[in-house]
């Protein structure tokens, strides 16, 4: 896991090849069909360009898209392994519906289906890392599929600007601060995909509970759960709040700073982190590398293995066993 994080910026040098590209048209909107680490890229692309019409679909089948929109929408089936149950189900439904379809994967069943049906696809490098660790490859591949050369130019420049060593030092220090507590990550609604990625990294790499929410909505509900009283003090004690502050609307920044003040008055620990970098992609991936290091050193502090996700694998085996019983 250490090497996967250390070498992460090199993923942005990847130059994807779109096979069956003659079948790839021009589209007005995009839906990425995938689960977990295989479907983190689209919402980060929307952080880069808020008016980009792209969405992540994280369940079986297809989202409900009006018939008039379906032919102008590219559905991208994304599964790093190529064997994700929900994604294959969505792919097969898209084939039956005859909607525009593309694939991004390293192999498995999904790649075989794409080749069989001559669907446009990008075959990602299969380096043996976990899907969440292959986010660089995925975001480059999807940028190519949706026809965003400007995105690709910015992404290819990241290896020269991401501050891996400095972020490792900062992540190790942050992991020490939050040790023994449950992280809650807050951001603006525009940057929420970054906060959500932080949560996932704490869950999968750090093997700890973690939660995320966004401004301004949390000011209307969640924060009142931390209005510490004598009998609720113990309920708030386990949490550590990480605020991700970007180039946000000044009103949102004011809400962040006011919320931080209220929490600190109640002796709740708050860390205010600035999203640093000259470009949107720099800010996104500097933040996510810091999250990677923090989660990695969180795992080290708790003496758990950082890379593998045994509970997910056990869940998959139980689901498969249940399916076999129902069909036998």
C-alpha atoms as a PDB file:
ATOM      1  CA  UNK A   1       0.000   0.000   0.000  1.00  0.00           C
ATOM      2  CA  UNK A   2       2.859   2.354   0.813  1.00  0.00           C
ATOM      3  CA  UNK A   3       4.283   2.036  -2.693  1.00  0.00           C
ATOM      4  CA  UNK A   4       0.849   2.483  -4.293  1.00  0.00           C
ATOM      5  CA  UNK A   5       0.466   5.839  -2.543  1.00  0.00           C
ATOM      6  CA  UNK A   6       4.074   6.923  -3.104  1.00  0.00           C
ATOM      7  CA  UNK A   7       3.860   6.151  -6.826  1.00  0.00           C
ATOM      8  CA  UNK A   8       0.297   7.378  -7.323  1.00  0.00           C
ATOM      9  CA  UNK A   9       1.229  10.535  -9.332  1.00  0.00           C
ATOM     10  CA  UNK A  10       2.813   8.348 -12.021  1.00  0.00           C
ATOM     11  CA  UNK A  11      -0.679   7.103 -12.914  1.00  0.00           C
ATOM     12  CA  UNK A  12      -1.407  10.470 -14.521  1.00  0.00           C
ATOM     13  CA  UNK A  13       1.203   9.758 -17.212  1.00  0.00           C
ATOM     14  CA  UNK A  14      -1.032   6.957 -18.498  1.00  0.00           C
ATOM     15  CA  UNK A  15      -2.229   7.448 -22.080  1.00  0.00           C
ATOM     16  CA  UNK A  16      -5.422   5.464 -22.605  1.00  0.00           C
ATOM     17  CA  UNK A  17      -6.358   3.822 -25.904  1.00  0.00           C
ATOM     18  CA  UNK A  18     -10.051   3.639 -26.819  1.00  0.00           C
ATOM     19  CA  UNK A  19     -10.755   0.385 -28.620  1.00  0.00           C
ATOM     20  CA  UNK A  20     -13.737   0.267 -31.022  1.00  0.00           C
ATOM     21  CA  UNK A  21     -13.590   4.079 -31.011  1.00  0.00           C
ATOM     22  CA  UNK A  22     -15.445   4.206 -34.327  1.00  0.00           C
ATOM     23  CA  UNK A  23     -18.588   3.299 -32.373  1.00  0.00           C
ATOM     24  CA  UNK A  24     -18.145   6.178 -29.910  1.00  0.00           C
ATOM     25  CA  UNK A  25     -20.312   9.178 -30.787  1.00  0.00           C
ATOM     26  CA  UNK A  26     -20.723  12.671 -29.355  1.00  0.00           C
ATOM     27  CA  UNK A  27     -22.838  12.883 -26.202  1.00  0.00           C
ATOM     28  CA  UNK A  28     -24.417  15.580 -24.062  1.00  0.00           C
ATOM     29  CA  UNK A  29     -24.353  13.704 -20.764  1.00  0.00           C
ATOM     30  CA  UNK A  30     -22.618  10.767 -19.122  1.00  0.00           C
ATOM     31  CA  UNK A  31     -23.547   8.168 -16.501  1.00  0.00           C
ATOM     32  CA  UNK A  32     -20.841   5.968 -14.977  1.00  0.00           C
ATOM     33  CA  UNK A  33     -22.123   2.583 -13.804  1.00  0.00           C
ATOM     34  CA  UNK A  34     -19.932   1.193 -11.052  1.00  0.00           C
ATOM     35  CA  UNK A  35     -19.325   0.510  -7.403  1.00  0.00           C
ATOM     36  CA  UNK A  36     -16.794   1.466  -4.733  1.00  0.00           C
ATOM     37  CA  UNK A  37     -13.343   2.517  -5.867  1.00  0.00           C
ATOM     38  CA  UNK A  38     -14.282   1.893  -9.505  1.00  0.00           C
ATOM     39  CA  UNK A  39     -16.760   4.789  -9.488  1.00  0.00           C
ATOM     40  CA  UNK A  40     -14.993   7.633  -7.687  1.00  0.00           C
ATOM     41  CA  UNK A  41     -13.798   9.503 -10.783  1.00  0.00           C
ATOM     42  CA  UNK A  42     -16.998  11.008 -12.272  1.00  0.00           C
ATOM     43  CA  UNK A  43     -17.928  13.169  -9.303  1.00  0.00           C
ATOM     44  CA  UNK A  44     -14.335  14.414  -9.031  1.00  0.00           C
ATOM     45  CA  UNK A  45     -14.570  15.452 -12.689  1.00  0.00           C
ATOM     46  CA  UNK A  46     -17.639  17.436 -11.723  1.00  0.00           C
ATOM     47  CA  UNK A  47     -15.589  19.197  -9.023  1.00  0.00           C
ATOM     48  CA  UNK A  48     -13.216  20.184 -11.832  1.00  0.00           C
ATOM     49  CA  UNK A  49     -16.078  21.362 -14.081  1.00  0.00           C
ATOM     50  CA  UNK A  50     -19.331  21.886 -12.142  1.00  0.00           C
ATOM     51  CA  UNK A  51     -21.485  22.224 -15.277  1.00  0.00           C
ATOM     52  CA  UNK A  52     -20.310  18.869 -16.657  1.00  0.00           C
ATOM     53  CA  UNK A  53     -23.363  16.621 -16.979  1.00  0.00           C
ATOM     54  CA  UNK A  54     -21.910  13.445 -15.467  1.00  0.00           C
ATOM     55  CA  UNK A  55     -23.251  11.236 -12.695  1.00  0.00           C
ATOM     56  CA  UNK A  56     -22.241   8.104 -10.794  1.00  0.00           C
ATOM     57  CA  UNK A  57     -24.796   5.281 -10.665  1.00  0.00           C
ATOM     58  CA  UNK A  58     -24.114   2.902  -7.777  1.00  0.00           C
ATOM     59  CA  UNK A  59     -26.572   0.037  -7.893  1.00  0.00           C
ATOM     60  CA  UNK A  60     -28.021  -2.611 -10.218  1.00  0.00           C
ATOM     61  CA  UNK A  61     -29.705  -1.968 -13.572  1.00  0.00           C
ATOM     62  CA  UNK A  62     -29.825   1.535 -15.092  1.00  0.00           C
ATOM     63  CA  UNK A  63     -30.887   4.920 -13.737  1.00  0.00           C
ATOM     64  CA  UNK A  64     -34.206   6.312 -14.941  1.00  0.00           C
ATOM     65  CA  UNK A  65     -33.328   8.479 -17.932  1.00  0.00           C
ATOM     66  CA  UNK A  66     -36.043   9.975 -20.148  1.00  0.00           C
ATOM     67  CA  UNK A  67     -36.236   8.283 -23.550  1.00  0.00           C
ATOM     68  CA  UNK A  68     -35.521  11.618 -25.233  1.00  0.00           C
ATOM     69  CA  UNK A  69     -32.230  11.827 -23.284  1.00  0.00           C
ATOM     70  CA  UNK A  70     -31.111   8.209 -23.483  1.00  0.00           C
ATOM     71  CA  UNK A  71     -29.664   8.374 -27.002  1.00  0.00           C
ATOM     72  CA  UNK A  72     -27.673  11.478 -26.064  1.00  0.00           C
ATOM     73  CA  UNK A  73     -26.297   9.849 -22.899  1.00  0.00           C
ATOM     74  CA  UNK A  74     -23.198   7.659 -22.795  1.00  0.00           C
ATOM     75  CA  UNK A  75     -23.410   4.951 -20.144  1.00  0.00           C
ATOM     76  CA  UNK A  76     -19.910   3.918 -19.046  1.00  0.00           C
ATOM     77  CA  UNK A  77     -19.636   0.584 -17.224  1.00  0.00           C
ATOM     78  CA  UNK A  78     -16.680   0.907 -14.844  1.00  0.00           C
ATOM     79  CA  UNK A  79     -15.290  -2.044 -12.910  1.00  0.00           C
ATOM     80  CA  UNK A  80     -11.609  -2.268 -12.093  1.00  0.00           C
ATOM     81  CA  UNK A  81     -11.703  -6.060 -11.807  1.00  0.00           C
ATOM     82  CA  UNK A  82     -14.276  -6.453 -14.555  1.00  0.00           C
ATOM     83  CA  UNK A  83     -16.277  -8.823 -12.355  1.00  0.00           C
ATOM     84  CA  UNK A  84     -18.421  -6.506 -10.217  1.00  0.00           C
ATOM     85  CA  UNK A  85     -21.899  -8.015  -9.990  1.00  0.00           C
ATOM     86  CA  UNK A  86     -23.877  -4.759  -9.996  1.00  0.00           C
ATOM     87  CA  UNK A  87     -21.885  -3.310 -12.906  1.00  0.00           C
ATOM     88  CA  UNK A  88     -22.249  -6.385 -15.087  1.00  0.00           C
ATOM     89  CA  UNK A  89     -26.001  -6.338 -14.428  1.00  0.00           C
ATOM     90  CA  UNK A  90     -26.117  -2.674 -15.493  1.00  0.00           C
ATOM     91  CA  UNK A  91     -24.035  -3.414 -18.588  1.00  0.00           C
ATOM     92  CA  UNK A  92     -26.351  -6.236 -19.658  1.00  0.00           C
ATOM     93  CA  UNK A  93     -29.419  -4.021 -19.126  1.00  0.00           C
ATOM     94  CA  UNK A  94     -27.799  -1.287 -21.245  1.00  0.00           C
ATOM     95  CA  UNK A  95     -27.192  -3.833 -24.016  1.00  0.00           C
ATOM     96  CA  UNK A  96     -30.850  -4.868 -23.957  1.00  0.00           C
ATOM     97  CA  UNK A  97     -31.992  -1.242 -23.961  1.00  0.00           C
ATOM     98  CA  UNK A  98     -29.596  -0.489 -26.850  1.00  0.00           C
ATOM     99  CA  UNK A  99     -28.374   2.722 -25.282  1.00  0.00           C
ATOM    100  CA  UNK A 100     -24.894   4.149 -26.013  1.00  0.00           C
ATOM    101  CA  UNK A 101     -22.407   2.175 -23.953  1.00  0.00           C
ATOM    102  CA  UNK A 102     -18.692   2.101 -23.175  1.00  0.00           C
ATOM    103  CA  UNK A 103     -16.505   0.147 -20.749  1.00  0.00           C
ATOM    104  CA  UNK A 104     -13.490   0.888 -18.572  1.00  0.00           C
ATOM    105  CA  UNK A 105     -11.820  -2.053 -16.814  1.00  0.00           C
ATOM    106  CA  UNK A 106      -8.636  -4.080 -16.421  1.00  0.00           C
ATOM    107  CA  UNK A 107     -10.201  -7.321 -17.635  1.00  0.00           C
ATOM    108  CA  UNK A 108     -12.574  -9.975 -16.346  1.00  0.00           C
ATOM    109  CA  UNK A 109     -16.108 -10.607 -17.573  1.00  0.00           C
ATOM    110  CA  UNK A 110     -16.735  -6.977 -18.468  1.00  0.00           C
ATOM    111  CA  UNK A 111     -13.784  -6.796 -20.856  1.00  0.00           C
ATOM    112  CA  UNK A 112     -14.819 -10.065 -22.489  1.00  0.00           C
ATOM    113  CA  UNK A 113     -18.359  -8.727 -22.997  1.00  0.00           C
ATOM    114  CA  UNK A 114     -17.081  -5.448 -24.441  1.00  0.00           C
ATOM    115  CA  UNK A 115     -14.937  -7.338 -26.952  1.00  0.00           C
ATOM    116  CA  UNK A 116     -17.746  -9.745 -27.858  1.00  0.00           C
ATOM    117  CA  UNK A 117     -20.260  -6.960 -28.521  1.00  0.00           C
ATOM    118  CA  UNK A 118     -17.740  -4.520 -30.030  1.00  0.00           C
ATOM    119  CA  UNK A 119     -18.431  -1.917 -27.369  1.00  0.00           C
ATOM    120  CA  UNK A 120     -15.938   0.981 -27.073  1.00  0.00           C
ATOM    121  CA  UNK A 121     -13.628   0.252 -24.155  1.00  0.00           C
ATOM    122  CA  UNK A 122     -10.505   1.365 -22.328  1.00  0.00           C
ATOM    123  CA  UNK A 123      -8.392  -1.420 -20.853  1.00  0.00           C
ATOM    124  CA  UNK A 124      -6.680  -0.033 -17.752  1.00  0.00           C
ATOM    125  CA  UNK A 125      -3.217  -1.190 -16.624  1.00  0.00           C
ATOM    126  CA  UNK A 126      -3.589  -4.166 -14.308  1.00  0.00           C
ATOM    127  CA  UNK A 127      -0.926  -3.452 -11.696  1.00  0.00           C
ATOM    128  CA  UNK A 128      -2.495  -5.495  -8.892  1.00  0.00           C
ATOM    129  CA  UNK A 129      -3.431  -2.509  -6.735  1.00  0.00           C
ATOM    130  CA  UNK A 130      -6.831  -1.980  -5.136  1.00  0.00           C
ATOM    131  CA  UNK A 131      -9.509  -0.130  -7.170  1.00  0.00           C
ATOM    132  CA  UNK A 132      -9.424   2.900  -4.843  1.00  0.00           C
ATOM    133  CA  UNK A 133      -5.670   3.139  -5.416  1.00  0.00           C
ATOM    134  CA  UNK A 134      -6.142   3.168  -9.212  1.00  0.00           C
ATOM    135  CA  UNK A 135      -8.123   6.410  -9.235  1.00  0.00           C
ATOM    136  CA  UNK A 136      -5.499   8.157 -11.369  1.00  0.00           C
ATOM    137  CA  UNK A 137      -5.815   5.584 -14.136  1.00  0.00           C
ATOM    138  CA  UNK A 138      -9.611   5.707 -13.905  1.00  0.00           C
ATOM    139  CA  UNK A 139      -9.965   9.481 -14.105  1.00  0.00           C
ATOM    140  CA  UNK A 140      -7.591   9.634 -17.076  1.00  0.00           C
ATOM    141  CA  UNK A 141      -9.482   6.828 -18.836  1.00  0.00           C
ATOM    142  CA  UNK A 142     -12.906   8.358 -18.277  1.00  0.00           C
ATOM    143  CA  UNK A 143     -11.652  11.797 -19.372  1.00  0.00           C
ATOM    144  CA  UNK A 144     -10.626  10.173 -22.647  1.00  0.00           C
ATOM    145  CA  UNK A 145     -13.970   8.392 -23.091  1.00  0.00           C
ATOM    146  CA  UNK A 146     -15.989  11.586 -22.554  1.00  0.00           C
ATOM    147  CA  UNK A 147     -13.772  13.568 -24.914  1.00  0.00           C
ATOM    148  CA  UNK A 148     -12.043  16.041 -22.580  1.00  0.00           C
ATOM    149  CA  UNK A 149      -8.533  16.769 -23.934  1.00  0.00           C
ATOM    150  CA  UNK A 150      -8.183  19.780 -21.609  1.00  0.00           C
ATOM    151  CA  UNK A 151      -8.720  17.467 -18.626  1.00  0.00           C
ATOM    152  CA  UNK A 152      -6.090  15.095 -19.969  1.00  0.00           C
ATOM    153  CA  UNK A 153      -3.517  17.880 -20.363  1.00  0.00           C
ATOM    154  CA  UNK A 154      -4.060  19.024 -16.777  1.00  0.00           C
ATOM    155  CA  UNK A 155      -3.964  15.474 -15.426  1.00  0.00           C
ATOM    156  CA  UNK A 156      -0.781  14.618 -17.313  1.00  0.00           C
ATOM    157  CA  UNK A 157       0.900  17.641 -15.648  1.00  0.00           C
ATOM    158  CA  UNK A 158       0.181  16.459 -12.092  1.00  0.00           C
ATOM    159  CA  UNK A 159       3.273  14.251 -11.527  1.00  0.00           C
ATOM    160  CA  UNK A 160       5.409  17.407 -11.603  1.00  0.00           C
ATOM    161  CA  UNK A 161       3.306  19.302  -9.066  1.00  0.00           C
ATOM    162  CA  UNK A 162       1.873  16.892  -6.472  1.00  0.00           C
ATOM    163  CA  UNK A 163       3.800  17.125  -3.174  1.00  0.00           C
ATOM    164  CA  UNK A 164       3.960  13.464  -2.169  1.00  0.00           C
ATOM    165  CA  UNK A 165       6.698  13.638   0.502  1.00  0.00           C
ATOM    166  CA  UNK A 166       5.326  16.739   2.234  1.00  0.00           C
ATOM    167  CA  UNK A 167       1.842  15.246   2.207  1.00  0.00           C
ATOM    168  CA  UNK A 168       3.164  12.022   3.750  1.00  0.00           C
ATOM    169  CA  UNK A 169       4.628  13.988   6.646  1.00  0.00           C
ATOM    170  CA  UNK A 170       1.379  15.914   7.135  1.00  0.00           C
ATOM    171  CA  UNK A 171      -0.738  12.768   6.872  1.00  0.00           C
ATOM    172  CA  UNK A 172       1.345  10.962   9.481  1.00  0.00           C
ATOM    173  CA  UNK A 173       0.931  13.915  11.861  1.00  0.00           C
ATOM    174  CA  UNK A 174      -2.829  14.075  11.266  1.00  0.00           C
ATOM    175  CA  UNK A 175      -3.195  10.329  11.876  1.00  0.00           C
ATOM    176  CA  UNK A 176      -1.532  10.844  15.265  1.00  0.00           C
ATOM    177  CA  UNK A 177      -3.943  13.673  16.124  1.00  0.00           C
ATOM    178  CA  UNK A 178      -7.073  11.702  15.321  1.00  0.00           C
ATOM    179  CA  UNK A 179      -5.892   8.453  16.913  1.00  0.00           C
ATOM    180  CA  UNK A 180      -8.601   7.022  19.141  1.00  0.00           C
ATOM    181  CA  UNK A 181     -11.334   9.083  17.476  1.00  0.00           C
ATOM    182  CA  UNK A 182     -13.811   8.690  14.617  1.00  0.00           C
ATOM    183  CA  UNK A 183     -13.203  11.134  11.738  1.00  0.00           C
ATOM    184  CA  UNK A 184     -16.046  13.206  10.325  1.00  0.00           C
ATOM    185  CA  UNK A 185     -15.154  15.093   7.154  1.00  0.00           C
ATOM    186  CA  UNK A 186     -16.973  18.280   6.181  1.00  0.00           C
ATOM    187  CA  UNK A 187     -16.749  20.310   2.969  1.00  0.00           C
ATOM    188  CA  UNK A 188     -18.856  22.543   0.754  1.00  0.00           C
ATOM    189  CA  UNK A 189     -21.427  20.728  -1.376  1.00  0.00           C
ATOM    190  CA  UNK A 190     -19.234  21.510  -4.413  1.00  0.00           C
ATOM    191  CA  UNK A 191     -16.266  19.717  -2.863  1.00  0.00           C
ATOM    192  CA  UNK A 192     -18.255  16.922  -1.256  1.00  0.00           C
ATOM    193  CA  UNK A 193     -16.846  14.252  -3.626  1.00  0.00           C
ATOM    194  CA  UNK A 194     -13.442  15.008  -2.074  1.00  0.00           C
ATOM    195  CA  UNK A 195     -14.840  14.650   1.455  1.00  0.00           C
ATOM    196  CA  UNK A 196     -16.557  11.398   0.437  1.00  0.00           C
ATOM    197  CA  UNK A 197     -13.219  10.070  -0.855  1.00  0.00           C
ATOM    198  CA  UNK A 198     -11.647  10.887   2.520  1.00  0.00           C
ATOM    199  CA  UNK A 199     -14.363   8.857   4.236  1.00  0.00           C
ATOM    200  CA  UNK A 200     -13.778   5.890   1.929  1.00  0.00           C
ATOM    201  CA  UNK A 201     -10.016   5.962   2.499  1.00  0.00           C
ATOM    202  CA  UNK A 202     -10.509   5.922   6.279  1.00  0.00           C
ATOM    203  CA  UNK A 203     -12.971   3.016   5.906  1.00  0.00           C
ATOM    204  CA  UNK A 204     -11.001   0.851   3.470  1.00  0.00           C
ATOM    205  CA  UNK A 205      -7.394   1.710   4.263  1.00  0.00           C
ATOM    206  CA  UNK A 206      -7.613   2.770   7.914  1.00  0.00           C
ATOM    207  CA  UNK A 207     -10.270   0.157   8.768  1.00  0.00           C
ATOM    208  CA  UNK A 208     -12.120   2.679  10.961  1.00  0.00           C
ATOM    209  CA  UNK A 209     -15.628   4.150  10.923  1.00  0.00           C
ATOM    210  CA  UNK A 210     -15.749   7.538   9.189  1.00  0.00           C
ATOM    211  CA  UNK A 211     -18.509   9.856   8.021  1.00  0.00           C
ATOM    212  CA  UNK A 212     -18.906  12.864   5.735  1.00  0.00           C
ATOM    213  CA  UNK A 213     -21.358  15.718   5.242  1.00  0.00           C
ATOM    214  CA  UNK A 214     -21.543  19.060   3.466  1.00  0.00           C
ATOM    215  CA  UNK A 215     -22.276  22.732   4.017  1.00  0.00           C
ATOM    216  CA  UNK A 216     -24.734  24.378   4.156  1.00  0.00           C
ATOM    217  CA  UNK A 217     -27.100  21.439   4.766  1.00  0.00           C
ATOM    218  CA  UNK A 218     -25.344  20.206   7.912  1.00  0.00           C
ATOM    219  CA  UNK A 219     -26.008  23.594   9.570  1.00  0.00           C
ATOM    220  CA  UNK A 220     -29.716  22.802   9.399  1.00  0.00           C
ATOM    221  CA  UNK A 221     -29.557  19.408  11.093  1.00  0.00           C
ATOM    222  CA  UNK A 222     -26.344  17.467  11.821  1.00  0.00           C
ATOM    223  CA  UNK A 223     -24.535  20.075  13.890  1.00  0.00           C
ATOM    224  CA  UNK A 224     -27.355  20.109  16.441  1.00  0.00           C
ATOM    225  CA  UNK A 225     -26.439  16.519  17.286  1.00  0.00           C
ATOM    226  CA  UNK A 226     -23.182  17.898  18.705  1.00  0.00           C
ATOM    227  CA  UNK A 227     -24.755  20.565  20.920  1.00  0.00           C
ATOM    228  CA  UNK A 228     -23.070  18.960  23.906  1.00  0.00           C
ATOM    229  CA  UNK A 229     -25.146  18.623  27.058  1.00  0.00           C
ATOM    230  CA  UNK A 230     -24.336  16.901  30.337  1.00  0.00           C
ATOM    231  CA  UNK A 231     -25.983  13.612  29.402  1.00  0.00           C
ATOM    232  CA  UNK A 232     -24.876  13.619  25.732  1.00  0.00           C
ATOM    233  CA  UNK A 233     -21.248  14.579  26.263  1.00  0.00           C
ATOM    234  CA  UNK A 234     -20.074  10.976  26.000  1.00  0.00           C
ATOM    235  CA  UNK A 235     -21.833  10.573  22.642  1.00  0.00           C
ATOM    236  CA  UNK A 236     -19.787  13.394  21.065  1.00  0.00           C
ATOM    237  CA  UNK A 237     -16.477  12.410  22.656  1.00  0.00           C
ATOM    238  CA  UNK A 238     -15.289   9.903  19.998  1.00  0.00           C
ATOM    239  CA  UNK A 239     -15.390  12.280  17.017  1.00  0.00           C
ATOM    240  CA  UNK A 240     -12.719  14.355  15.275  1.00  0.00           C
ATOM    241  CA  UNK A 241     -13.866  16.899  12.685  1.00  0.00           C
ATOM    242  CA  UNK A 242     -11.885  17.612   9.510  1.00  0.00           C
ATOM    243  CA  UNK A 243     -13.074  20.646   7.548  1.00  0.00           C
ATOM    244  CA  UNK A 244     -11.926  20.811   3.895  1.00  0.00           C
ATOM    245  CA  UNK A 245     -11.844  24.466   2.902  1.00  0.00           C
ATOM    246  CA  UNK A 246     -11.480  25.238  -0.806  1.00  0.00           C
ATOM    247  CA  UNK A 247     -12.164  28.139  -3.131  1.00  0.00           C
ATOM    248  CA  UNK A 248     -15.716  28.198  -1.862  1.00  0.00           C
ATOM    249  CA  UNK A 249     -18.475  30.771  -1.863  1.00  0.00           C
ATOM    250  CA  UNK A 250     -17.607  33.317   0.895  1.00  0.00           C
ATOM    251  CA  UNK A 251     -20.913  32.511   2.599  1.00  0.00           C
ATOM    252  CA  UNK A 252     -19.906  28.851   2.791  1.00  0.00           C
ATOM    253  CA  UNK A 253     -16.490  29.801   4.200  1.00  0.00           C
ATOM    254  CA  UNK A 254     -18.245  31.899   6.834  1.00  0.00           C
ATOM    255  CA  UNK A 255     -20.433  28.904   7.726  1.00  0.00           C
ATOM    256  CA  UNK A 256     -17.368  26.674   8.052  1.00  0.00           C
ATOM    257  CA  UNK A 257     -15.562  29.104  10.327  1.00  0.00           C
ATOM    258  CA  UNK A 258     -18.662  29.737  12.452  1.00  0.00           C
ATOM    259  CA  UNK A 259     -19.365  26.006  12.785  1.00  0.00           C
ATOM    260  CA  UNK A 260     -15.739  25.389  13.765  1.00  0.00           C
ATOM    261  CA  UNK A 261     -16.051  28.076  16.435  1.00  0.00           C
ATOM    262  CA  UNK A 262     -19.235  26.519  17.838  1.00  0.00           C
ATOM    263  CA  UNK A 263     -17.648  23.061  17.922  1.00  0.00           C
ATOM    264  CA  UNK A 264     -14.497  24.307  19.618  1.00  0.00           C
ATOM    265  CA  UNK A 265     -16.596  26.121  22.224  1.00  0.00           C
ATOM    266  CA  UNK A 266     -18.034  22.686  23.003  1.00  0.00           C
ATOM    267  CA  UNK A 267     -14.504  21.255  23.183  1.00  0.00           C
ATOM    268  CA  UNK A 268     -14.923  19.235  20.008  1.00  0.00           C
ATOM    269  CA  UNK A 269     -11.642  18.836  18.070  1.00  0.00           C
ATOM    270  CA  UNK A 270     -11.622  20.528  14.646  1.00  0.00           C
ATOM    271  CA  UNK A 271      -8.944  20.489  11.952  1.00  0.00           C
ATOM    272  CA  UNK A 272      -9.355  23.121   9.202  1.00  0.00           C
ATOM    273  CA  UNK A 273      -7.506  22.019   6.051  1.00  0.00           C
ATOM    274  CA  UNK A 274      -7.003  24.262   3.018  1.00  0.00           C
ATOM    275  CA  UNK A 275      -7.251  22.626  -0.408  1.00  0.00           C
ATOM    276  CA  UNK A 276      -3.930  23.738  -1.890  1.00  0.00           C
ATOM    277  CA  UNK A 277      -2.812  23.897  -5.514  1.00  0.00           C
ATOM    278  CA  UNK A 278      -2.838  26.155  -8.548  1.00  0.00           C
ATOM    279  CA  UNK A 279      -5.386  24.150 -10.554  1.00  0.00           C
ATOM    280  CA  UNK A 280      -8.586  22.321  -9.582  1.00  0.00           C
ATOM    281  CA  UNK A 281      -6.977  18.927 -10.218  1.00  0.00           C
ATOM    282  CA  UNK A 282      -3.970  19.886  -8.078  1.00  0.00           C
ATOM    283  CA  UNK A 283      -6.278  20.846  -5.228  1.00  0.00           C
ATOM    284  CA  UNK A 284      -8.300  17.650  -5.616  1.00  0.00           C
ATOM    285  CA  UNK A 285      -5.350  15.280  -5.671  1.00  0.00           C
ATOM    286  CA  UNK A 286      -3.215  17.057  -3.083  1.00  0.00           C
ATOM    287  CA  UNK A 287      -6.215  16.631  -0.772  1.00  0.00           C
ATOM    288  CA  UNK A 288      -6.683  12.977  -1.697  1.00  0.00           C
ATOM    289  CA  UNK A 289      -3.011  12.128  -1.294  1.00  0.00           C
ATOM    290  CA  UNK A 290      -3.162  13.671   2.174  1.00  0.00           C
ATOM    291  CA  UNK A 291      -6.195  11.468   2.846  1.00  0.00           C
ATOM    292  CA  UNK A 292      -4.287   8.409   1.585  1.00  0.00           C
ATOM    293  CA  UNK A 293      -1.350   9.055   3.897  1.00  0.00           C
ATOM    294  CA  UNK A 294      -3.583   9.845   6.866  1.00  0.00           C
ATOM    295  CA  UNK A 295      -5.536   6.624   6.360  1.00  0.00           C
ATOM    296  CA  UNK A 296      -2.344   4.612   5.806  1.00  0.00           C
ATOM    297  CA  UNK A 297      -0.787   5.824   9.049  1.00  0.00           C
ATOM    298  CA  UNK A 298      -4.124   5.359  10.822  1.00  0.00           C
ATOM    299  CA  UNK A 299      -3.949   1.683   9.822  1.00  0.00           C
ATOM    300  CA  UNK A 300      -0.374   1.519  11.064  1.00  0.00           C
ATOM    301  CA  UNK A 301      -1.337   3.000  14.448  1.00  0.00           C
ATOM    302  CA  UNK A 302      -4.112   0.416  14.853  1.00  0.00           C
ATOM    303  CA  UNK A 303      -1.876  -2.395  13.575  1.00  0.00           C
ATOM    304  CA  UNK A 304      -4.232  -3.414  10.781  1.00  0.00           C
ATOM    305  CA  UNK A 305      -3.347  -4.315   7.198  1.00  0.00           C
ATOM    306  CA  UNK A 306      -3.931  -1.225   5.036  1.00  0.00           C
ATOM    307  CA  UNK A 307      -4.396  -2.539   1.510  1.00  0.00           C
ATOM    308  CA  UNK A 308      -6.732  -5.525   1.550  1.00  0.00           C
ATOM    309  CA  UNK A 309     -10.452  -5.409   2.393  1.00  0.00           C
ATOM    310  CA  UNK A 310     -11.185  -8.843   3.916  1.00  0.00           C
ATOM    311  CA  UNK A 311     -14.670  -7.920   5.113  1.00  0.00           C
ATOM    312  CA  UNK A 312     -15.669  -6.986   1.541  1.00  0.00           C
ATOM    313  CA  UNK A 313     -14.234 -10.273   0.230  1.00  0.00           C
ATOM    314  CA  UNK A 314     -16.053 -12.249   2.932  1.00  0.00           C
ATOM    315  CA  UNK A 315     -19.290 -10.407   2.060  1.00  0.00           C
ATOM    316  CA  UNK A 316     -18.868 -11.317  -1.618  1.00  0.00           C
ATOM    317  CA  UNK A 317     -18.332 -14.988  -0.758  1.00  0.00           C
ATOM    318  CA  UNK A 318     -21.475 -15.040   1.401  1.00  0.00           C
ATOM    319  CA  UNK A 319     -23.526 -13.396  -1.362  1.00  0.00           C
ATOM    320  CA  UNK A 320     -22.214 -15.925  -3.888  1.00  0.00           C
ATOM    321  CA  UNK A 321     -23.039 -18.813  -1.541  1.00  0.00           C
ATOM    322  CA  UNK A 322     -26.566 -17.482  -1.027  1.00  0.00           C
ATOM    323  CA  UNK A 323     -27.044 -17.183  -4.793  1.00  0.00           C
ATOM    324  CA  UNK A 324     -25.912 -20.769  -5.333  1.00  0.00           C
ATOM    325  CA  UNK A 325     -28.364 -22.017  -2.715  1.00  0.00           C
ATOM    326  CA  UNK A 326     -31.253 -20.209  -4.399  1.00  0.00           C
ATOM    327  CA  UNK A 327     -30.420 -21.643  -7.819  1.00  0.00           C
ATOM    328  CA  UNK A 328     -29.729 -25.208  -6.662  1.00  0.00           C
END
